[in-house]
Every structure is written in structure tokens, then in C-alpha cells.
Amino acid sequence: MFRIFLVQLKNNFTRQIMYRSNFLTLLLVDITWMAIEMLFFDALYAHNASIAGWSKTQTYFFLGLFFTSDAIFTVFLQRNFWSFSDLVNQGELDIFLLKPANPVFLILTRFMNISSITNIPLGLWIMNHYGNITLSTPFWALYGVLIACLLRFTFSIVVFWTDRGQSLSRFYYQLFPFATKPDTIYPSPLRLILRTILPFACIGSVPARALLGMLEPHEYILIIMVPIAFFVLNTALWKKGLKRYQSASS
């Protein structure tokens, strides 16, 4: 699979390097989005020394980790989820099911947004500026990517039972702003939902609290159980969905 991934990476890099203006435009958009998120909290901390137990420095550290995880997800996975519904609705999933490799792996690595790769070192720089990058930082950043991938797959896989999977994708991004804020600012019932049923808090906030030593002992159980539960759920939905799938040749 690693060799397949390298081939996919090379093909995407060759294709996207031809459009330099697109690269610069996306870079500008991403930097603007990061700046807006940071300015939002800058305005809040202008009137408060602490928000839900988070200092300004800790919040910016969280944002750096969130930006890093989101950038990795955007570079390697995001575009493939947008095209997933078309593969199912148009019967184009056939070619992946017939390949001698895991079809889910092929689907999720087909397209990459190489133009967003500069956001990864930028997020790491923000983390390092407002905190310390440790040996466990890559693990927690990739944990956030894993949660985002599993959660996004859950929203996408429902296309086997609907005609319009894009609407659920849009709904996912309507909920996504929950991931851009520290989870402790939300009321307890919503906070529990964001750590379990809709674990947007596990993309950035929970990993950041782990690195900052702010996690409660019982939360480490959730950190283990949430990805396992979503992996089992997604595997079951994938198998059931394939039984409903009508290929282009059927």
C-alpha cells in the first residue's frame, strides 16, 4: 500500500504543480482563515484573562495543533470525500472494487491537495511559538486526523442509502466549527456529544488538552474507545452499503 500511496502522491504533485496560481490562491485563503480564527480569540481575550479554563497561550497552542491536523487531512484526504458520492451514484466504484488492493484505501488516496501542504509547518510553528512541541505531538496530531477521517467517512458512507450524499457532506461542515473551539466552553451535555457521538472535539481540543496535561483520567478511555467504535461502525456500514450498491454494469 505504501508504494501505491507514493504513486498517488507523485501523480497529484505533478498535476497540481502545473497550476501555480491555484497554489498561491489556496495558500492565501488558508492563511486568511487561520488569521480570522486567531483574531476571533484575540478579541475575546482582550476582555478576559481566561475562557473556560483556557489561557490565551493555551488556546493558541490548541489552534496550532488543530491547524496542523486539519492541514494533514486537507492535503491527503479531504478531496476524496467530496467525490465519494459521485463514485456510488454514477456506478464508478466498480474500478476500485476490482483492483487487487483495499478499495477504501484506493478511494481515499486518489486525490490530494498538495497546495495546502504549507499549512502543516505553519500550524507547527504556531504550536511551537505558544507552547512546546514534544515527541508525542505527532501522535496527537495524527490522532486528530484519524478522528476526522472516521467521522467524515461516517457522513459519506450514508450515500449508499440516499440519492444525494453531498447534502450530508455540507451538514458535516456546518457542524465542523465545533472543532475550532476548545470543547470545555460548551455545556456538559453538548461537550459529551462532541467527545463521543459527534467527536469533533477529538480533532483538536482533546489532543491539545492531552499535550497540555489538562485531560481527566477517564477521558483516556474515550480516546481509545471512540476511534474503535467508529471503525467498527464504518466497517459494518461499508459492507452493508456494498450489498445495496448497483454498479454501472448492473
C-alpha atoms as a PDB file:
ATOM      1  CA  MET A   1       0.000   0.000   0.000  1.00  0.00           C
ATOM      2  CA  PHE A   2       2.890   2.342   0.698  1.00  0.00           C
ATOM      3  CA  ARG A   3       4.102   2.025  -2.897  1.00  0.00           C
ATOM      4  CA  ILE A   4       0.580   2.784  -4.140  1.00  0.00           C
ATOM      5  CA  PHE A   5       0.460   5.831  -1.887  1.00  0.00           C
ATOM      6  CA  LEU A   6       3.776   7.107  -3.298  1.00  0.00           C
ATOM      7  CA  VAL A   7       2.484   6.721  -6.853  1.00  0.00           C
ATOM      8  CA  GLN A   8      -0.703   8.612  -5.971  1.00  0.00           C
ATOM      9  CA  LEU A   9       1.365  11.336  -4.308  1.00  0.00           C
ATOM     10  CA  LYS A  10       3.647  11.700  -7.324  1.00  0.00           C
ATOM     11  CA  ASN A  11       0.721  11.887  -9.767  1.00  0.00           C
ATOM     12  CA  ASN A  12      -1.081  14.526  -7.705  1.00  0.00           C
ATOM     13  CA  PHE A  13       2.077  16.601  -7.232  1.00  0.00           C
ATOM     14  CA  THR A  14       2.796  16.551 -10.980  1.00  0.00           C
ATOM     15  CA  ARG A  15      -0.764  17.550 -11.805  1.00  0.00           C
ATOM     16  CA  GLN A  16      -1.055  20.394  -9.297  1.00  0.00           C
ATOM     17  CA  ILE A  17       2.397  21.915  -9.795  1.00  0.00           C
ATOM     18  CA  MET A  18       1.259  22.929 -13.271  1.00  0.00           C
ATOM     19  CA  TYR A  19      -1.228  25.428 -11.780  1.00  0.00           C
ATOM     20  CA  ARG A  20       0.880  27.765  -9.659  1.00  0.00           C
ATOM     21  CA  SER A  21      -1.787  30.470  -9.415  1.00  0.00           C
ATOM     22  CA  ASN A  22      -4.154  27.923  -7.874  1.00  0.00           C
ATOM     23  CA  PHE A  23      -1.457  27.030  -5.331  1.00  0.00           C
ATOM     24  CA  LEU A  24      -0.986  30.665  -4.310  1.00  0.00           C
ATOM     25  CA  THR A  25      -4.730  31.325  -4.151  1.00  0.00           C
ATOM     26  CA  LEU A  26      -5.403  28.370  -1.855  1.00  0.00           C
ATOM     27  CA  LEU A  27      -2.439  29.324   0.307  1.00  0.00           C
ATOM     28  CA  LEU A  28      -3.812  32.852   0.701  1.00  0.00           C
ATOM     29  CA  VAL A  29      -7.286  31.542   1.541  1.00  0.00           C
ATOM     30  CA  ASP A  30      -5.953  29.152   4.190  1.00  0.00           C
ATOM     31  CA  ILE A  31      -3.751  31.797   5.811  1.00  0.00           C
ATOM     32  CA  THR A  32      -6.706  34.199   5.901  1.00  0.00           C
ATOM     33  CA  TRP A  33      -8.876  31.550   7.566  1.00  0.00           C
ATOM     34  CA  MET A  34      -6.196  30.872  10.191  1.00  0.00           C
ATOM     35  CA  ALA A  35      -5.803  34.591  10.853  1.00  0.00           C
ATOM     36  CA  ILE A  36      -9.575  35.017  11.308  1.00  0.00           C
ATOM     37  CA  GLU A  37      -9.716  32.156  13.818  1.00  0.00           C
ATOM     38  CA  MET A  38      -6.837  33.633  15.821  1.00  0.00           C
ATOM     39  CA  LEU A  39      -8.236  37.171  15.679  1.00  0.00           C
ATOM     40  CA  PHE A  40     -11.573  35.882  16.967  1.00  0.00           C
ATOM     41  CA  PHE A  41      -9.922  34.615  20.151  1.00  0.00           C
ATOM     42  CA  ASP A  42      -7.695  37.682  20.327  1.00  0.00           C
ATOM     43  CA  ALA A  43     -10.852  39.784  20.587  1.00  0.00           C
ATOM     44  CA  LEU A  44     -12.261  37.521  23.323  1.00  0.00           C
ATOM     45  CA  TYR A  45      -9.075  37.579  25.383  1.00  0.00           C
ATOM     46  CA  ALA A  46      -8.921  41.352  25.140  1.00  0.00           C
ATOM     47  CA  HIS A  47     -11.707  41.309  27.756  1.00  0.00           C
ATOM     48  CA  ASN A  48     -10.987  38.015  29.560  1.00  0.00           C
ATOM     49  CA  ALA A  49      -7.840  36.560  31.087  1.00  0.00           C
ATOM     50  CA  SER A  50      -9.216  33.021  30.841  1.00  0.00           C
ATOM     51  CA  ILE A  51     -12.052  31.303  28.954  1.00  0.00           C
ATOM     52  CA  ALA A  52     -13.399  28.032  30.360  1.00  0.00           C
ATOM     53  CA  GLY A  53     -10.038  27.351  31.987  1.00  0.00           C
ATOM     54  CA  TRP A  54      -8.024  28.151  28.842  1.00  0.00           C
ATOM     55  CA  SER A  55      -5.459  30.947  28.842  1.00  0.00           C
ATOM     56  CA  LYS A  56      -4.737  32.833  25.632  1.00  0.00           C
ATOM     57  CA  THR A  57      -1.448  30.988  25.172  1.00  0.00           C
ATOM     58  CA  GLN A  58      -3.099  27.594  25.654  1.00  0.00           C
ATOM     59  CA  THR A  59      -5.864  28.449  23.189  1.00  0.00           C
ATOM     60  CA  TYR A  60      -3.370  29.476  20.524  1.00  0.00           C
ATOM     61  CA  PHE A  61      -1.458  26.249  21.172  1.00  0.00           C
ATOM     62  CA  PHE A  62      -4.722  24.369  20.582  1.00  0.00           C
ATOM     63  CA  LEU A  63      -5.282  26.301  17.353  1.00  0.00           C
ATOM     64  CA  GLY A  64      -1.785  25.411  16.161  1.00  0.00           C
ATOM     65  CA  LEU A  65      -2.447  21.715  16.743  1.00  0.00           C
ATOM     66  CA  PHE A  66      -5.872  21.952  15.136  1.00  0.00           C
ATOM     67  CA  PHE A  67      -4.451  23.746  12.089  1.00  0.00           C
ATOM     68  CA  THR A  68      -1.787  21.040  11.749  1.00  0.00           C
ATOM     69  CA  SER A  69      -4.247  18.133  11.921  1.00  0.00           C
ATOM     70  CA  ASP A  70      -6.701  19.860   9.616  1.00  0.00           C
ATOM     71  CA  ALA A  71      -3.934  20.619   7.112  1.00  0.00           C
ATOM     72  CA  ILE A  72      -2.834  16.970   7.009  1.00  0.00           C
ATOM     73  CA  PHE A  73      -6.446  15.904   6.497  1.00  0.00           C
ATOM     74  CA  THR A  74      -6.940  18.523   3.780  1.00  0.00           C
ATOM     75  CA  VAL A  75      -3.787  17.562   1.903  1.00  0.00           C
ATOM     76  CA  PHE A  76      -4.254  13.807   1.860  1.00  0.00           C
ATOM     77  CA  LEU A  77      -7.951  13.034   2.349  1.00  0.00           C
ATOM     78  CA  GLN A  78     -10.485  15.840   2.066  1.00  0.00           C
ATOM     79  CA  ARG A  79     -10.987  15.980  -1.702  1.00  0.00           C
ATOM     80  CA  ASN A  80     -11.695  12.245  -1.884  1.00  0.00           C
ATOM     81  CA  PHE A  81     -14.668  12.524   0.446  1.00  0.00           C
ATOM     82  CA  TRP A  82     -16.249  15.193  -1.760  1.00  0.00           C
ATOM     83  CA  SER A  83     -16.080  12.837  -4.760  1.00  0.00           C
ATOM     84  CA  PHE A  84     -17.211   9.722  -2.867  1.00  0.00           C
ATOM     85  CA  SER A  85     -20.926  10.232  -3.518  1.00  0.00           C
ATOM     86  CA  ASP A  86     -20.320  10.518  -7.273  1.00  0.00           C
ATOM     87  CA  LEU A  87     -18.487   7.192  -7.283  1.00  0.00           C
ATOM     88  CA  VAL A  88     -21.515   5.498  -5.750  1.00  0.00           C
ATOM     89  CA  ASN A  89     -24.298   7.325  -7.596  1.00  0.00           C
ATOM     90  CA  GLN A  90     -22.678   7.039 -11.009  1.00  0.00           C
ATOM     91  CA  GLY A  91     -21.555   3.443 -10.602  1.00  0.00           C
ATOM     92  CA  GLU A  92     -17.868   4.356 -10.833  1.00  0.00           C
ATOM     93  CA  LEU A  93     -16.999   2.448  -7.694  1.00  0.00           C
ATOM     94  CA  ASP A  94     -16.567  -0.690  -9.824  1.00  0.00           C
ATOM     95  CA  ILE A  95     -12.997   0.033 -10.859  1.00  0.00           C
ATOM     96  CA  PHE A  96     -11.854   0.277  -7.218  1.00  0.00           C
ATOM     97  CA  LEU A  97     -13.653  -2.894  -6.173  1.00  0.00           C
ATOM     98  CA  LEU A  98     -11.887  -4.838  -8.920  1.00  0.00           C
ATOM     99  CA  LYS A  99      -8.375  -3.660  -8.063  1.00  0.00           C
ATOM    100  CA  PRO A 100      -6.053  -6.067  -6.153  1.00  0.00           C
ATOM    101  CA  ALA A 101      -5.813  -3.638  -3.230  1.00  0.00           C
ATOM    102  CA  ASN A 102      -8.043  -2.368  -0.458  1.00  0.00           C
ATOM    103  CA  PRO A 103     -10.764  -0.335  -2.245  1.00  0.00           C
ATOM    104  CA  VAL A 104     -11.251   2.098   0.649  1.00  0.00           C
ATOM    105  CA  PHE A 105      -7.526   2.874   0.678  1.00  0.00           C
ATOM    106  CA  LEU A 106      -7.561   3.494  -3.089  1.00  0.00           C
ATOM    107  CA  ILE A 107     -10.620   5.738  -2.850  1.00  0.00           C
ATOM    108  CA  LEU A 108      -9.238   7.846  -0.010  1.00  0.00           C
ATOM    109  CA  THR A 109      -5.801   8.374  -1.580  1.00  0.00           C
ATOM    110  CA  ARG A 110      -6.893   9.043  -5.154  1.00  0.00           C
ATOM    111  CA  PHE A 111      -6.760  12.848  -4.945  1.00  0.00           C
ATOM    112  CA  MET A 112      -4.561  15.086  -2.794  1.00  0.00           C
ATOM    113  CA  ASN A 113      -4.454  18.859  -2.256  1.00  0.00           C
ATOM    114  CA  ILE A 114      -0.700  19.327  -2.381  1.00  0.00           C
ATOM    115  CA  SER A 115      -1.202  23.102  -2.446  1.00  0.00           C
ATOM    116  CA  SER A 116      -2.257  23.025   1.235  1.00  0.00           C
ATOM    117  CA  ILE A 117       0.892  21.287   2.446  1.00  0.00           C
ATOM    118  CA  THR A 118       2.489  24.555   3.612  1.00  0.00           C
ATOM    119  CA  ASN A 119      -0.232  24.797   6.277  1.00  0.00           C
ATOM    120  CA  ILE A 120       1.364  21.888   8.147  1.00  0.00           C
ATOM    121  CA  PRO A 121       4.633  23.678   9.069  1.00  0.00           C
ATOM    122  CA  LEU A 122       2.633  26.860   9.706  1.00  0.00           C
ATOM    123  CA  GLY A 123       0.458  25.050  12.254  1.00  0.00           C
ATOM    124  CA  LEU A 124       3.539  23.516  13.855  1.00  0.00           C
ATOM    125  CA  TRP A 125       5.161  26.954  14.064  1.00  0.00           C
ATOM    126  CA  ILE A 126       2.110  28.325  15.906  1.00  0.00           C
ATOM    127  CA  MET A 127       2.253  25.388  18.318  1.00  0.00           C
ATOM    128  CA  ASN A 128       5.944  25.867  18.974  1.00  0.00           C
ATOM    129  CA  HIS A 129       5.515  29.617  19.418  1.00  0.00           C
ATOM    130  CA  TYR A 130       2.824  29.254  22.076  1.00  0.00           C
ATOM    131  CA  GLY A 131       3.991  26.003  23.662  1.00  0.00           C
ATOM    132  CA  ASN A 132       6.417  23.144  23.319  1.00  0.00           C
ATOM    133  CA  ILE A 133       6.427  20.505  20.595  1.00  0.00           C
ATOM    134  CA  THR A 134       7.247  17.153  22.217  1.00  0.00           C
ATOM    135  CA  LEU A 135       7.844  13.648  20.922  1.00  0.00           C
ATOM    136  CA  SER A 136       4.148  12.872  21.442  1.00  0.00           C
ATOM    137  CA  THR A 137       2.961  15.813  19.330  1.00  0.00           C
ATOM    138  CA  PRO A 138       2.959  13.888  16.008  1.00  0.00           C
ATOM    139  CA  PHE A 139       0.878  11.132  17.630  1.00  0.00           C
ATOM    140  CA  TRP A 140      -1.803  13.567  18.814  1.00  0.00           C
ATOM    141  CA  ALA A 141      -1.819  15.446  15.508  1.00  0.00           C
ATOM    142  CA  LEU A 142      -2.342  12.167  13.633  1.00  0.00           C
ATOM    143  CA  TYR A 143      -4.958  11.131  16.180  1.00  0.00           C
ATOM    144  CA  GLY A 144      -6.927  14.224  15.204  1.00  0.00           C
ATOM    145  CA  VAL A 145      -6.556  13.276  11.533  1.00  0.00           C
ATOM    146  CA  LEU A 146      -7.788   9.752  12.292  1.00  0.00           C
ATOM    147  CA  ILE A 147     -10.887  11.047  14.084  1.00  0.00           C
ATOM    148  CA  ALA A 148     -11.634  13.500  11.257  1.00  0.00           C
ATOM    149  CA  CYS A 149     -11.270  10.706   8.692  1.00  0.00           C
ATOM    150  CA  LEU A 150     -13.508   8.258  10.572  1.00  0.00           C
ATOM    151  CA  LEU A 151     -16.167  10.885  11.260  1.00  0.00           C
ATOM    152  CA  ARG A 152     -16.107  12.191   7.687  1.00  0.00           C
ATOM    153  CA  PHE A 153     -16.374   8.627   6.366  1.00  0.00           C
ATOM    154  CA  THR A 154     -19.469   8.054   8.503  1.00  0.00           C
ATOM    155  CA  PHE A 155     -21.142  11.067   6.929  1.00  0.00           C
ATOM    156  CA  SER A 156     -20.077   9.977   3.441  1.00  0.00           C
ATOM    157  CA  ILE A 157     -20.984   6.284   3.619  1.00  0.00           C
ATOM    158  CA  VAL A 158     -24.676   7.098   4.037  1.00  0.00           C
ATOM    159  CA  VAL A 159     -24.742   7.841   0.285  1.00  0.00           C
ATOM    160  CA  PHE A 160     -25.488   4.130  -0.257  1.00  0.00           C
ATOM    161  CA  TRP A 161     -28.939   4.783   1.232  1.00  0.00           C
ATOM    162  CA  THR A 162     -29.571   8.251  -0.215  1.00  0.00           C
ATOM    163  CA  ASP A 163     -29.572   9.912  -3.615  1.00  0.00           C
ATOM    164  CA  ARG A 164     -27.632  12.975  -2.517  1.00  0.00           C
ATOM    165  CA  GLY A 165     -24.572  12.357  -0.396  1.00  0.00           C
ATOM    166  CA  GLN A 166     -23.362  15.920  -0.928  1.00  0.00           C
ATOM    167  CA  SER A 167     -26.045  17.269   1.407  1.00  0.00           C
ATOM    168  CA  LEU A 168     -24.634  15.240   4.302  1.00  0.00           C
ATOM    169  CA  SER A 169     -21.147  16.446   3.427  1.00  0.00           C
ATOM    170  CA  ARG A 170     -22.375  20.011   3.720  1.00  0.00           C
ATOM    171  CA  PHE A 171     -24.031  19.146   7.030  1.00  0.00           C
ATOM    172  CA  TYR A 172     -20.668  17.847   8.269  1.00  0.00           C
ATOM    173  CA  TYR A 173     -19.090  21.227   7.561  1.00  0.00           C
ATOM    174  CA  GLN A 174     -21.984  23.002   9.228  1.00  0.00           C
ATOM    175  CA  LEU A 175     -21.011  21.132  12.402  1.00  0.00           C
ATOM    176  CA  PHE A 176     -17.270  21.489  11.811  1.00  0.00           C
ATOM    177  CA  PRO A 177     -16.974  24.881  13.633  1.00  0.00           C
ATOM    178  CA  PHE A 178     -17.430  22.914  16.885  1.00  0.00           C
ATOM    179  CA  ALA A 179     -13.926  21.554  16.232  1.00  0.00           C
ATOM    180  CA  THR A 180     -12.402  25.029  16.031  1.00  0.00           C
ATOM    181  CA  LYS A 181     -13.182  25.892  19.674  1.00  0.00           C
ATOM    182  CA  PRO A 182     -11.937  24.399  22.970  1.00  0.00           C
ATOM    183  CA  ASP A 183     -14.519  21.804  23.976  1.00  0.00           C
ATOM    184  CA  THR A 184     -14.743  22.940  27.597  1.00  0.00           C
ATOM    185  CA  ILE A 185     -16.558  26.128  26.556  1.00  0.00           C
ATOM    186  CA  TYR A 186     -19.673  24.118  25.712  1.00  0.00           C
ATOM    187  CA  PRO A 187     -22.357  22.938  28.193  1.00  0.00           C
ATOM    188  CA  SER A 188     -21.771  19.472  29.652  1.00  0.00           C
ATOM    189  CA  PRO A 189     -24.373  17.575  27.533  1.00  0.00           C
ATOM    190  CA  LEU A 190     -23.054  19.083  24.288  1.00  0.00           C
ATOM    191  CA  ARG A 191     -19.480  18.513  25.412  1.00  0.00           C
ATOM    192  CA  LEU A 192     -20.219  14.795  25.878  1.00  0.00           C
ATOM    193  CA  ILE A 193     -21.723  14.584  22.401  1.00  0.00           C
ATOM    194  CA  LEU A 194     -18.692  16.305  20.879  1.00  0.00           C
ATOM    195  CA  ARG A 195     -16.419  13.734  22.507  1.00  0.00           C
ATOM    196  CA  THR A 196     -18.450  10.626  21.622  1.00  0.00           C
ATOM    197  CA  ILE A 197     -21.362  10.633  19.140  1.00  0.00           C
ATOM    198  CA  LEU A 198     -20.024  13.527  17.056  1.00  0.00           C
ATOM    199  CA  PRO A 199     -16.385  13.650  18.220  1.00  0.00           C
ATOM    200  CA  PHE A 200     -15.388  16.967  16.677  1.00  0.00           C
ATOM    201  CA  ALA A 201     -13.663  17.830  19.962  1.00  0.00           C
ATOM    202  CA  CYS A 202     -11.292  14.889  19.399  1.00  0.00           C
ATOM    203  CA  ILE A 203      -9.877  16.504  16.254  1.00  0.00           C
ATOM    204  CA  GLY A 204      -8.041  19.289  18.057  1.00  0.00           C
ATOM    205  CA  SER A 205      -9.295  20.171  21.524  1.00  0.00           C
ATOM    206  CA  VAL A 206      -8.890  16.801  23.250  1.00  0.00           C
ATOM    207  CA  PRO A 207      -5.394  16.182  21.768  1.00  0.00           C
ATOM    208  CA  ALA A 208      -4.373  19.707  22.794  1.00  0.00           C
ATOM    209  CA  ARG A 209      -5.580  19.134  26.336  1.00  0.00           C
ATOM    210  CA  ALA A 210      -3.630  15.874  26.401  1.00  0.00           C
ATOM    211  CA  LEU A 211      -0.444  17.711  25.446  1.00  0.00           C
ATOM    212  CA  LEU A 212      -1.167  20.447  27.982  1.00  0.00           C
ATOM    213  CA  GLY A 213      -1.848  17.966  30.787  1.00  0.00           C
ATOM    214  CA  MET A 214      -5.492  19.028  31.060  1.00  0.00           C
ATOM    215  CA  LEU A 215      -7.177  15.648  30.487  1.00  0.00           C
ATOM    216  CA  GLU A 216      -9.045  13.766  33.203  1.00  0.00           C
ATOM    217  CA  PRO A 217      -8.048  10.078  33.660  1.00  0.00           C
ATOM    218  CA  HIS A 218     -11.413   8.767  32.403  1.00  0.00           C
ATOM    219  CA  GLU A 219     -11.051  10.739  29.170  1.00  0.00           C
ATOM    220  CA  TYR A 220      -8.207   8.482  28.055  1.00  0.00           C
ATOM    221  CA  ILE A 221     -10.755   5.654  27.875  1.00  0.00           C
ATOM    222  CA  LEU A 222     -12.835   7.725  25.451  1.00  0.00           C
ATOM    223  CA  ILE A 223      -9.721   8.477  23.415  1.00  0.00           C
ATOM    224  CA  ILE A 224      -9.292   4.744  22.849  1.00  0.00           C
ATOM    225  CA  MET A 225     -12.941   3.736  22.510  1.00  0.00           C
ATOM    226  CA  VAL A 226     -14.143   6.467  20.124  1.00  0.00           C
ATOM    227  CA  PRO A 227     -11.944   5.535  17.115  1.00  0.00           C
ATOM    228  CA  ILE A 228     -12.559   1.813  17.720  1.00  0.00           C
ATOM    229  CA  ALA A 229     -16.324   2.367  17.793  1.00  0.00           C
ATOM    230  CA  PHE A 230     -16.296   4.456  14.621  1.00  0.00           C
ATOM    231  CA  PHE A 231     -14.027   1.974  12.825  1.00  0.00           C
ATOM    232  CA  VAL A 232     -16.407  -0.887  13.656  1.00  0.00           C
ATOM    233  CA  LEU A 233     -19.416   1.218  12.639  1.00  0.00           C
ATOM    234  CA  ASN A 234     -17.851   2.316   9.349  1.00  0.00           C
ATOM    235  CA  THR A 235     -16.758  -1.229   8.504  1.00  0.00           C
ATOM    236  CA  ALA A 236     -20.289  -2.514   9.059  1.00  0.00           C
ATOM    237  CA  LEU A 237     -21.830   0.322   7.041  1.00  0.00           C
ATOM    238  CA  TRP A 238     -19.341  -0.236   4.201  1.00  0.00           C
ATOM    239  CA  LYS A 239     -20.197  -3.936   3.946  1.00  0.00           C
ATOM    240  CA  LYS A 240     -23.937  -3.290   4.090  1.00  0.00           C
ATOM    241  CA  GLY A 241     -23.599  -0.455   1.607  1.00  0.00           C
ATOM    242  CA  LEU A 242     -21.809  -2.650  -0.926  1.00  0.00           C
ATOM    243  CA  LYS A 243     -24.769  -5.036  -0.836  1.00  0.00           C
ATOM    244  CA  ARG A 244     -27.036  -2.164  -1.910  1.00  0.00           C
ATOM    245  CA  TYR A 245     -24.602  -0.776  -4.469  1.00  0.00           C
ATOM    246  CA  GLN A 246     -25.649  -1.004  -8.109  1.00  0.00           C
ATOM    247  CA  SER A 247     -22.659  -0.918 -10.410  1.00  0.00           C
ATOM    248  CA  ALA A 248     -22.550   0.680 -13.823  1.00  0.00           C
ATOM    249  CA  SER A 249     -22.772  -2.761 -15.425  1.00  0.00           C
ATOM    250  CA  SER A 250     -25.811  -3.929 -13.475  1.00  0.00           C
END
